[in-house]
């Protein structure tokens, strides 16, 4: 799903014809989905039933993003083409589980540890999305391609660079999840502590 969105983003970046390079900050939002249960095991089972769909499985939590840009300007300069980047607008949404009813004190304590760890994990994904946008800026702002008065080579080069940046972010995210959920990984420990508690 992220790959599809990034492909749409690539098309928008290449199609749009500048604003000066300006500082920007991402917008970060948290959305929750309801789960039920009065024990750690019941809560985790409910996560499995109600968590966000990611591919063919359900996740404990999910981090998504929407990225749009101000006008990007492809300007012929003599026989060359120069790209001036527009200002990005990045909205990151974290989707996290939330118990629908008060929990017993001992379960509540375990839950707080669990959800803090899950939230920290998702923040790493959010940080990778922010880095991706900075990487896009660094790779495209001021890009100059020689002998390209119609800017067609420049647009193609932008697509190539964005595709590489996107693939690197997706692979990095997968590698991070593999470690976190792997043997002795942080999320594996969090889940075990939740389900083995009261």
C-alpha atoms as a PDB file:
ATOM      1  CA  UNK A   1       0.000   0.000   0.000  1.00  0.00           C
ATOM      2  CA  UNK A   2       2.848   2.386   0.829  1.00  0.00           C
ATOM      3  CA  UNK A   3       4.503   1.462  -2.465  1.00  0.00           C
ATOM      4  CA  UNK A   4       1.328   2.406  -4.372  1.00  0.00           C
ATOM      5  CA  UNK A   5       1.103   5.728  -2.559  1.00  0.00           C
ATOM      6  CA  UNK A   6       4.749   6.451  -3.264  1.00  0.00           C
ATOM      7  CA  UNK A   7       4.232   5.699  -6.946  1.00  0.00           C
ATOM      8  CA  UNK A   8       1.381   8.225  -6.974  1.00  0.00           C
ATOM      9  CA  UNK A   9       3.668  10.663  -5.208  1.00  0.00           C
ATOM     10  CA  UNK A  10       6.359  10.146  -7.834  1.00  0.00           C
ATOM     11  CA  UNK A  11       3.861  10.934 -10.565  1.00  0.00           C
ATOM     12  CA  UNK A  12       2.788  14.117  -8.772  1.00  0.00           C
ATOM     13  CA  UNK A  13       6.355  15.252  -8.239  1.00  0.00           C
ATOM     14  CA  UNK A  14       7.280  14.777 -11.853  1.00  0.00           C
ATOM     15  CA  UNK A  15       4.070  16.323 -13.209  1.00  0.00           C
ATOM     16  CA  UNK A  16       4.039  19.496 -11.166  1.00  0.00           C
ATOM     17  CA  UNK A  17       5.871  22.453 -12.623  1.00  0.00           C
ATOM     18  CA  UNK A  18       8.965  27.116  -6.947  1.00  0.00           C
ATOM     19  CA  UNK A  19       9.045  27.942  -3.658  1.00  0.00           C
ATOM     20  CA  UNK A  20      12.268  28.690  -1.866  1.00  0.00           C
ATOM     21  CA  UNK A  21      13.646  25.841   0.193  1.00  0.00           C
ATOM     22  CA  UNK A  22      12.005  26.368   3.568  1.00  0.00           C
ATOM     23  CA  UNK A  23      12.007  24.716   6.944  1.00  0.00           C
ATOM     24  CA  UNK A  24       9.119  22.378   7.578  1.00  0.00           C
ATOM     25  CA  UNK A  25       7.888  20.105  10.320  1.00  0.00           C
ATOM     26  CA  UNK A  26       5.886  16.918  10.022  1.00  0.00           C
ATOM     27  CA  UNK A  27       2.389  16.684  11.469  1.00  0.00           C
ATOM     28  CA  UNK A  28       2.080  13.622  13.706  1.00  0.00           C
ATOM     29  CA  UNK A  29      -1.314  12.214  14.694  1.00  0.00           C
ATOM     30  CA  UNK A  30      -2.409   9.260  16.802  1.00  0.00           C
ATOM     31  CA  UNK A  31      -5.519   7.224  16.031  1.00  0.00           C
ATOM     32  CA  UNK A  32      -6.706   4.293  18.117  1.00  0.00           C
ATOM     33  CA  UNK A  33      -8.756   1.168  17.568  1.00  0.00           C
ATOM     34  CA  UNK A  34     -10.749  -0.455  20.362  1.00  0.00           C
ATOM     35  CA  UNK A  35      -9.800  -3.763  21.936  1.00  0.00           C
ATOM     36  CA  UNK A  36     -11.402  -5.678  24.804  1.00  0.00           C
ATOM     37  CA  UNK A  37     -10.268  -7.987  27.576  1.00  0.00           C
ATOM     38  CA  UNK A  38      -9.439  -8.046  31.250  1.00  0.00           C
ATOM     39  CA  UNK A  39      -6.143  -9.908  31.065  1.00  0.00           C
ATOM     40  CA  UNK A  40      -3.002  -9.483  29.018  1.00  0.00           C
ATOM     41  CA  UNK A  41      -3.794 -12.584  26.972  1.00  0.00           C
ATOM     42  CA  UNK A  42      -7.348 -11.414  26.259  1.00  0.00           C
ATOM     43  CA  UNK A  43      -6.093  -7.995  25.187  1.00  0.00           C
ATOM     44  CA  UNK A  44      -3.548  -9.523  22.834  1.00  0.00           C
ATOM     45  CA  UNK A  45      -6.156 -11.837  21.323  1.00  0.00           C
ATOM     46  CA  UNK A  46      -8.371  -8.817  20.729  1.00  0.00           C
ATOM     47  CA  UNK A  47      -5.469  -7.046  19.010  1.00  0.00           C
ATOM     48  CA  UNK A  48      -5.213 -10.056  16.692  1.00  0.00           C
ATOM     49  CA  UNK A  49      -8.912  -9.748  15.877  1.00  0.00           C
ATOM     50  CA  UNK A  50      -9.136  -5.973  15.547  1.00  0.00           C
ATOM     51  CA  UNK A  51      -5.681  -4.664  14.620  1.00  0.00           C
ATOM     52  CA  UNK A  52      -5.097  -2.789  11.383  1.00  0.00           C
ATOM     53  CA  UNK A  53      -4.879  -4.884   8.227  1.00  0.00           C
ATOM     54  CA  UNK A  54      -1.379  -4.804   6.785  1.00  0.00           C
ATOM     55  CA  UNK A  55      -1.223  -6.975   3.702  1.00  0.00           C
ATOM     56  CA  UNK A  56      -2.739 -10.349   4.573  1.00  0.00           C
ATOM     57  CA  UNK A  57      -2.189 -10.072   8.332  1.00  0.00           C
ATOM     58  CA  UNK A  58      -3.247  -7.839  11.182  1.00  0.00           C
ATOM     59  CA  UNK A  59      -0.688  -5.722  12.985  1.00  0.00           C
ATOM     60  CA  UNK A  60      -0.468  -4.606  16.598  1.00  0.00           C
ATOM     61  CA  UNK A  61       0.023  -1.035  15.397  1.00  0.00           C
ATOM     62  CA  UNK A  62       0.637   0.735  12.107  1.00  0.00           C
ATOM     63  CA  UNK A  63       2.355   3.906  10.946  1.00  0.00           C
ATOM     64  CA  UNK A  64       1.171   5.495   7.723  1.00  0.00           C
ATOM     65  CA  UNK A  65       1.981   8.744   5.966  1.00  0.00           C
ATOM     66  CA  UNK A  66       0.655  11.225   3.439  1.00  0.00           C
ATOM     67  CA  UNK A  67       3.219  13.321   1.598  1.00  0.00           C
ATOM     68  CA  UNK A  68       2.417  16.227  -0.695  1.00  0.00           C
ATOM     69  CA  UNK A  69       4.598  18.973  -2.115  1.00  0.00           C
ATOM     70  CA  UNK A  70       4.389  22.625  -2.990  1.00  0.00           C
ATOM     71  CA  UNK A  71       5.053  23.443  -6.616  1.00  0.00           C
ATOM     72  CA  UNK A  72       8.276  21.998  -7.965  1.00  0.00           C
ATOM     73  CA  UNK A  73       9.833  24.001 -10.754  1.00  0.00           C
ATOM     74  CA  UNK A  74      11.652  22.437 -13.696  1.00  0.00           C
ATOM     75  CA  UNK A  75      13.425  25.360 -15.361  1.00  0.00           C
ATOM     76  CA  UNK A  76      15.419  25.243 -18.574  1.00  0.00           C
ATOM     77  CA  UNK A  77      18.685  27.124 -18.142  1.00  0.00           C
ATOM     78  CA  UNK A  78      20.379  27.371 -21.496  1.00  0.00           C
ATOM     79  CA  UNK A  79      20.605  23.780 -22.672  1.00  0.00           C
ATOM     80  CA  UNK A  80      20.342  22.432 -19.130  1.00  0.00           C
ATOM     81  CA  UNK A  81      17.407  21.836 -16.784  1.00  0.00           C
ATOM     82  CA  UNK A  82      17.353  22.780 -13.085  1.00  0.00           C
ATOM     83  CA  UNK A  83      14.831  21.545 -10.520  1.00  0.00           C
ATOM     84  CA  UNK A  84      13.859  23.646  -7.521  1.00  0.00           C
ATOM     85  CA  UNK A  85      12.102  21.628  -4.836  1.00  0.00           C
ATOM     86  CA  UNK A  86       8.782  22.649  -3.355  1.00  0.00           C
ATOM     87  CA  UNK A  87       8.055  22.617   0.362  1.00  0.00           C
ATOM     88  CA  UNK A  88       6.919  19.184   1.589  1.00  0.00           C
ATOM     89  CA  UNK A  89       3.897  18.565   3.802  1.00  0.00           C
ATOM     90  CA  UNK A  90       4.207  15.279   5.671  1.00  0.00           C
ATOM     91  CA  UNK A  91       1.388  13.882   7.814  1.00  0.00           C
ATOM     92  CA  UNK A  92       2.268  10.792   9.845  1.00  0.00           C
ATOM     93  CA  UNK A  93      -0.521   8.789  11.462  1.00  0.00           C
ATOM     94  CA  UNK A  94       0.155   6.233  14.187  1.00  0.00           C
ATOM     95  CA  UNK A  95      -2.621   3.679  14.726  1.00  0.00           C
ATOM     96  CA  UNK A  96      -2.469   2.071  18.172  1.00  0.00           C
ATOM     97  CA  UNK A  97      -4.674  -0.273  20.234  1.00  0.00           C
ATOM     98  CA  UNK A  98      -6.694   1.098  23.144  1.00  0.00           C
ATOM     99  CA  UNK A  99      -8.676  -0.924  25.723  1.00  0.00           C
ATOM    100  CA  UNK A 100     -12.376  -0.071  25.577  1.00  0.00           C
ATOM    101  CA  UNK A 101     -12.923  -0.599  29.321  1.00  0.00           C
ATOM    102  CA  UNK A 102     -10.932   0.046  32.513  1.00  0.00           C
ATOM    103  CA  UNK A 103      -8.409  -2.670  33.333  1.00  0.00           C
ATOM    104  CA  UNK A 104      -7.579  -4.291  36.681  1.00  0.00           C
ATOM    105  CA  UNK A 105      -4.632  -2.414  38.281  1.00  0.00           C
ATOM    106  CA  UNK A 106      -2.058  -5.148  37.668  1.00  0.00           C
ATOM    107  CA  UNK A 107      -3.125  -5.539  34.029  1.00  0.00           C
ATOM    108  CA  UNK A 108      -3.179  -1.758  33.581  1.00  0.00           C
ATOM    109  CA  UNK A 109       0.428  -1.548  34.749  1.00  0.00           C
ATOM    110  CA  UNK A 110       1.513  -4.230  32.266  1.00  0.00           C
ATOM    111  CA  UNK A 111      -0.528  -2.590  29.532  1.00  0.00           C
ATOM    112  CA  UNK A 112       1.171   0.771  30.072  1.00  0.00           C
ATOM    113  CA  UNK A 113       4.600  -0.840  29.645  1.00  0.00           C
ATOM    114  CA  UNK A 114       3.408  -2.662  26.530  1.00  0.00           C
ATOM    115  CA  UNK A 115       1.795   0.320  24.801  1.00  0.00           C
ATOM    116  CA  UNK A 116       4.759   2.590  25.619  1.00  0.00           C
ATOM    117  CA  UNK A 117       7.069   0.095  23.926  1.00  0.00           C
ATOM    118  CA  UNK A 118       4.775  -0.292  20.913  1.00  0.00           C
ATOM    119  CA  UNK A 119       4.488   3.492  20.595  1.00  0.00           C
ATOM    120  CA  UNK A 120       8.273   3.852  20.696  1.00  0.00           C
ATOM    121  CA  UNK A 121       8.563   1.202  17.978  1.00  0.00           C
ATOM    122  CA  UNK A 122       6.113   3.058  15.725  1.00  0.00           C
ATOM    123  CA  UNK A 123       7.963   6.331  16.321  1.00  0.00           C
ATOM    124  CA  UNK A 124      11.023   4.725  14.717  1.00  0.00           C
ATOM    125  CA  UNK A 125       8.918   4.093  11.613  1.00  0.00           C
ATOM    126  CA  UNK A 126       7.769   7.710  11.737  1.00  0.00           C
ATOM    127  CA  UNK A 127      11.370   8.898  11.971  1.00  0.00           C
ATOM    128  CA  UNK A 128      12.248   6.842   8.887  1.00  0.00           C
ATOM    129  CA  UNK A 129       9.476   8.620   6.968  1.00  0.00           C
ATOM    130  CA  UNK A 130      10.812  12.005   8.024  1.00  0.00           C
ATOM    131  CA  UNK A 131      14.302  10.950   6.939  1.00  0.00           C
ATOM    132  CA  UNK A 132      12.899   9.815   3.607  1.00  0.00           C
ATOM    133  CA  UNK A 133      11.524  13.304   2.929  1.00  0.00           C
ATOM    134  CA  UNK A 134      14.841  14.923   3.859  1.00  0.00           C
ATOM    135  CA  UNK A 135      16.570  12.448   1.550  1.00  0.00           C
ATOM    136  CA  UNK A 136      14.195  13.390  -1.273  1.00  0.00           C
ATOM    137  CA  UNK A 137      14.973  17.067  -0.730  1.00  0.00           C
ATOM    138  CA  UNK A 138      18.717  16.421  -0.711  1.00  0.00           C
ATOM    139  CA  UNK A 139      18.515  14.299  -3.853  1.00  0.00           C
ATOM    140  CA  UNK A 140      16.305  16.594  -5.922  1.00  0.00           C
ATOM    141  CA  UNK A 141      16.520  20.227  -4.807  1.00  0.00           C
ATOM    142  CA  UNK A 142      18.785  22.011  -7.264  1.00  0.00           C
ATOM    143  CA  UNK A 143      19.202  18.918  -9.427  1.00  0.00           C
ATOM    144  CA  UNK A 144      20.765  19.989 -12.738  1.00  0.00           C
ATOM    145  CA  UNK A 145      20.850  17.812 -15.821  1.00  0.00           C
ATOM    146  CA  UNK A 146      22.964  18.897 -18.787  1.00  0.00           C
ATOM    147  CA  UNK A 147      21.666  19.018 -22.332  1.00  0.00           C
ATOM    148  CA  UNK A 148      18.017  18.736 -21.269  1.00  0.00           C
ATOM    149  CA  UNK A 149      16.190  21.892 -22.458  1.00  0.00           C
ATOM    150  CA  UNK A 150      12.783  20.146 -22.290  1.00  0.00           C
ATOM    151  CA  UNK A 151      13.537  18.759 -18.791  1.00  0.00           C
ATOM    152  CA  UNK A 152      12.495  15.237 -19.799  1.00  0.00           C
ATOM    153  CA  UNK A 153      15.792  13.698 -18.643  1.00  0.00           C
ATOM    154  CA  UNK A 154      15.506  15.589 -15.356  1.00  0.00           C
ATOM    155  CA  UNK A 155      12.010  14.239 -14.675  1.00  0.00           C
ATOM    156  CA  UNK A 156      13.214  10.719 -15.407  1.00  0.00           C
ATOM    157  CA  UNK A 157      16.185  11.207 -13.064  1.00  0.00           C
ATOM    158  CA  UNK A 158      13.861  12.408 -10.290  1.00  0.00           C
ATOM    159  CA  UNK A 159      11.728   9.268 -10.630  1.00  0.00           C
ATOM    160  CA  UNK A 160      14.845   7.100 -10.513  1.00  0.00           C
ATOM    161  CA  UNK A 161      16.153   8.808  -7.366  1.00  0.00           C
ATOM    162  CA  UNK A 162      12.803   8.754  -5.566  1.00  0.00           C
ATOM    163  CA  UNK A 163      12.316   5.091  -6.371  1.00  0.00           C
ATOM    164  CA  UNK A 164      15.708   4.267  -4.835  1.00  0.00           C
ATOM    165  CA  UNK A 165      14.936   6.328  -1.713  1.00  0.00           C
ATOM    166  CA  UNK A 166      11.532   4.668  -1.348  1.00  0.00           C
ATOM    167  CA  UNK A 167      12.939   1.158  -1.700  1.00  0.00           C
ATOM    168  CA  UNK A 168      15.658   1.898   0.861  1.00  0.00           C
ATOM    169  CA  UNK A 169      13.087   3.154   3.393  1.00  0.00           C
ATOM    170  CA  UNK A 170      10.788   0.161   2.883  1.00  0.00           C
ATOM    171  CA  UNK A 171      13.678  -2.288   3.234  1.00  0.00           C
ATOM    172  CA  UNK A 172      14.965  -0.500   6.329  1.00  0.00           C
ATOM    173  CA  UNK A 173      11.492  -0.679   7.868  1.00  0.00           C
ATOM    174  CA  UNK A 174      11.223  -4.393   7.146  1.00  0.00           C
ATOM    175  CA  UNK A 175      14.677  -5.053   8.589  1.00  0.00           C
ATOM    176  CA  UNK A 176      13.782  -3.140  11.751  1.00  0.00           C
ATOM    177  CA  UNK A 177      10.550  -5.110  12.210  1.00  0.00           C
ATOM    178  CA  UNK A 178      12.388  -8.384  11.626  1.00  0.00           C
ATOM    179  CA  UNK A 179      14.791  -7.599  14.471  1.00  0.00           C
ATOM    180  CA  UNK A 180      12.074  -6.261  16.798  1.00  0.00           C
ATOM    181  CA  UNK A 181       9.854  -9.324  16.328  1.00  0.00           C
ATOM    182  CA  UNK A 182      12.719 -11.814  16.102  1.00  0.00           C
ATOM    183  CA  UNK A 183      14.084 -14.047  18.816  1.00  0.00           C
ATOM    184  CA  UNK A 184      14.843 -11.864  21.832  1.00  0.00           C
ATOM    185  CA  UNK A 185      13.648  -8.756  20.008  1.00  0.00           C
ATOM    186  CA  UNK A 186      12.076  -5.859  21.851  1.00  0.00           C
ATOM    187  CA  UNK A 187       8.524  -6.358  20.580  1.00  0.00           C
ATOM    188  CA  UNK A 188       8.683 -10.080  21.136  1.00  0.00           C
ATOM    189  CA  UNK A 189       9.628  -9.378  24.767  1.00  0.00           C
ATOM    190  CA  UNK A 190       6.801  -6.861  25.123  1.00  0.00           C
ATOM    191  CA  UNK A 191       4.229  -9.333  23.809  1.00  0.00           C
ATOM    192  CA  UNK A 192       5.502 -12.156  26.031  1.00  0.00           C
ATOM    193  CA  UNK A 193       5.411  -9.904  29.086  1.00  0.00           C
ATOM    194  CA  UNK A 194       1.848  -8.832  28.307  1.00  0.00           C
ATOM    195  CA  UNK A 195       0.402 -12.290  27.653  1.00  0.00           C
ATOM    196  CA  UNK A 196       2.208 -13.984  30.550  1.00  0.00           C
ATOM    197  CA  UNK A 197       1.106 -11.362  33.054  1.00  0.00           C
ATOM    198  CA  UNK A 198      -2.225 -11.246  34.869  1.00  0.00           C
END
